[in-house]
Protein backbone atom coordinates (compact mmCIF):
# COMPACT_ATOMS: atom_id res chain seq x y z
CA UNK A 1 138.75 69.38 175.12
CA UNK A 2 139.21 67.33 178.28
CA UNK A 3 142.46 66.63 180.12
CA UNK A 4 142.51 63.01 178.96
CA UNK A 5 142.41 64.17 175.32
CA UNK A 6 145.44 66.42 175.81
CA UNK A 7 147.52 64.39 178.27
CA UNK A 8 150.72 62.85 176.86
CA UNK A 9 152.07 59.90 178.86
CA UNK A 10 155.24 57.79 178.64
CA UNK A 11 155.20 54.30 180.18
CA UNK A 12 158.66 52.91 181.06
CA UNK A 13 158.94 49.25 182.04
CA UNK A 14 161.28 46.45 181.00
CA UNK A 15 158.44 43.90 181.16
CA UNK A 16 156.24 43.98 178.06
CA UNK A 17 153.31 42.56 180.06
CA UNK A 18 153.47 45.44 182.53
CA UNK A 19 153.74 48.00 179.71
CA UNK A 20 150.69 46.41 178.11
CA UNK A 21 148.65 46.47 181.33
CA UNK A 22 149.46 50.13 181.91
CA UNK A 23 148.74 51.25 178.34
CA UNK A 24 145.53 49.20 178.31
CA UNK A 25 144.38 50.82 181.57
CA UNK A 26 145.22 54.30 180.24
CA UNK A 27 143.26 53.55 177.08
CA UNK A 28 140.34 52.47 179.28
CA UNK A 29 140.47 55.89 180.98
CA UNK A 30 140.34 57.56 177.55
CA UNK A 31 144.02 58.57 177.53
CA UNK A 32 145.09 57.86 173.95
CA UNK A 33 148.39 59.72 173.61
CA UNK A 34 150.60 57.09 175.26
CA UNK A 35 154.10 56.00 174.33
CA UNK A 36 156.06 53.18 175.90
CA UNK A 37 159.69 52.11 176.08
CA UNK A 38 161.51 49.22 177.74
CA UNK A 39 164.16 51.09 179.75
CA UNK A 40 165.28 54.37 181.24
CA UNK A 41 167.85 55.16 178.57
CA UNK A 42 165.29 54.73 175.78
CA UNK A 43 162.91 56.93 177.77
CA UNK A 44 165.45 59.76 177.96
CA UNK A 45 166.03 59.61 174.20
CA UNK A 46 162.29 59.52 173.43
CA UNK A 47 161.47 62.32 175.87
CA UNK A 48 164.17 64.56 174.41
CA UNK A 49 162.48 64.22 171.01
CA UNK A 50 158.89 64.32 172.20
CA UNK A 51 158.17 65.67 175.70
CA UNK A 52 155.22 64.37 177.73
CA UNK A 53 153.22 65.57 180.72
CA UNK A 54 153.55 62.38 182.76
CA UNK A 55 156.03 59.50 183.05
CA UNK A 56 154.89 56.26 184.67
CA UNK A 57 158.01 54.20 185.37
CA UNK A 58 158.82 50.85 186.90
CA UNK A 59 161.44 50.96 189.64
CA UNK A 60 163.32 47.74 188.97
CA UNK A 61 164.83 47.84 185.46
CA UNK A 62 168.25 46.80 184.17
CA UNK A 63 170.81 49.51 183.44
CA UNK A 64 168.88 52.50 184.79
CA UNK A 65 166.28 51.98 187.51
CA UNK A 66 163.28 54.24 187.93
CA UNK A 67 164.96 56.50 190.48
CA UNK A 68 167.98 57.04 188.22
CA UNK A 69 165.56 57.91 185.41
CA UNK A 70 163.77 60.36 187.70
CA UNK A 71 167.08 61.97 188.66
CA UNK A 72 168.06 62.34 184.99
CA UNK A 73 164.66 63.84 184.11
CA UNK A 74 164.91 66.41 186.91
CA UNK A 75 168.33 67.52 185.55
CA UNK A 76 167.08 68.16 182.00
CA UNK A 77 165.72 71.58 181.04
CA UNK A 78 162.95 70.04 178.89
CA UNK A 79 162.00 67.33 181.40
CA UNK A 80 162.54 68.82 184.86
CA UNK A 81 158.83 69.64 185.31
CA UNK A 82 157.34 66.38 184.00
CA UNK A 83 154.99 64.50 186.35
CA UNK A 84 156.55 61.25 187.58
CA UNK A 85 154.88 58.17 189.05
CA UNK A 86 157.04 55.28 190.24
CA UNK A 87 155.57 51.78 190.16
CA UNK A 88 157.24 49.16 192.30
CA UNK A 89 156.70 45.77 193.83
CA UNK A 90 159.13 46.85 196.57
CA UNK A 91 157.54 49.88 198.16
CA UNK A 92 160.35 50.03 200.73
CA UNK A 93 160.45 53.15 202.83
CA UNK A 94 163.95 54.02 201.56
CA UNK A 95 162.88 53.79 197.89
CA UNK A 96 159.86 56.02 198.50
CA UNK A 97 161.89 58.53 200.55
CA UNK A 98 164.60 58.68 197.88
CA UNK A 99 161.93 59.17 195.23
CA UNK A 100 160.39 62.04 197.17
CA UNK A 101 163.82 63.67 197.60
CA UNK A 102 164.33 63.44 193.82
CA UNK A 103 160.94 65.00 193.06
CA UNK A 104 158.70 61.98 192.50
CA UNK A 105 155.06 63.08 192.31
CA UNK A 106 153.45 59.79 193.35
CA UNK A 107 154.01 56.03 193.55
CA UNK A 108 151.98 52.88 193.16
CA UNK A 109 152.68 49.45 194.60
CA UNK A 110 152.45 46.36 192.39
CA UNK A 111 150.17 44.59 191.90
CA UNK A 112 147.62 47.34 191.34
CA UNK A 113 144.21 47.61 189.76
CA UNK A 114 142.96 50.26 187.32
CA UNK A 115 141.03 52.10 190.05
CA UNK A 116 144.25 52.56 192.06
CA UNK A 117 146.16 53.60 188.93
CA UNK A 118 143.56 56.20 187.99
CA UNK A 119 143.53 57.68 191.53
CA UNK A 120 147.34 57.79 191.49
CA UNK A 121 147.40 59.59 188.11
CA UNK A 122 144.60 62.01 189.07
CA UNK A 123 146.53 62.96 192.22
CA UNK A 124 149.31 64.20 189.94
CA UNK A 125 147.59 65.66 186.85
CA UNK A 126 143.99 66.30 187.92
CA UNK A 127 140.68 64.65 187.10
CA UNK A 128 140.70 62.62 183.89
């Protein structure tokens, strides 16, 4: 059984279009076990019930941005080791540095294409 058959991924983005693009790309890579939610709070609830290997989260979301979500995940006993990729249109140095301090595994700048997404994911979890 390959990694892509076992990998469980959570996509977190307040924009339904972005969630769709990410899940569609993951499906194209053969990753079928993908959940998605619209915000950080919903992600925390979902991940408490059903842990995943990798979270792909937007940075700019209302209520709880991607870095606050990352911080919350790193505090939880069930989620502290989950892979985390931050996706942002604002790849400012301070956002990336803060993400690294919090334990972010990788980041991707918007807009991106599936080839970039796959390379970003494989850098965290291994070859799909």
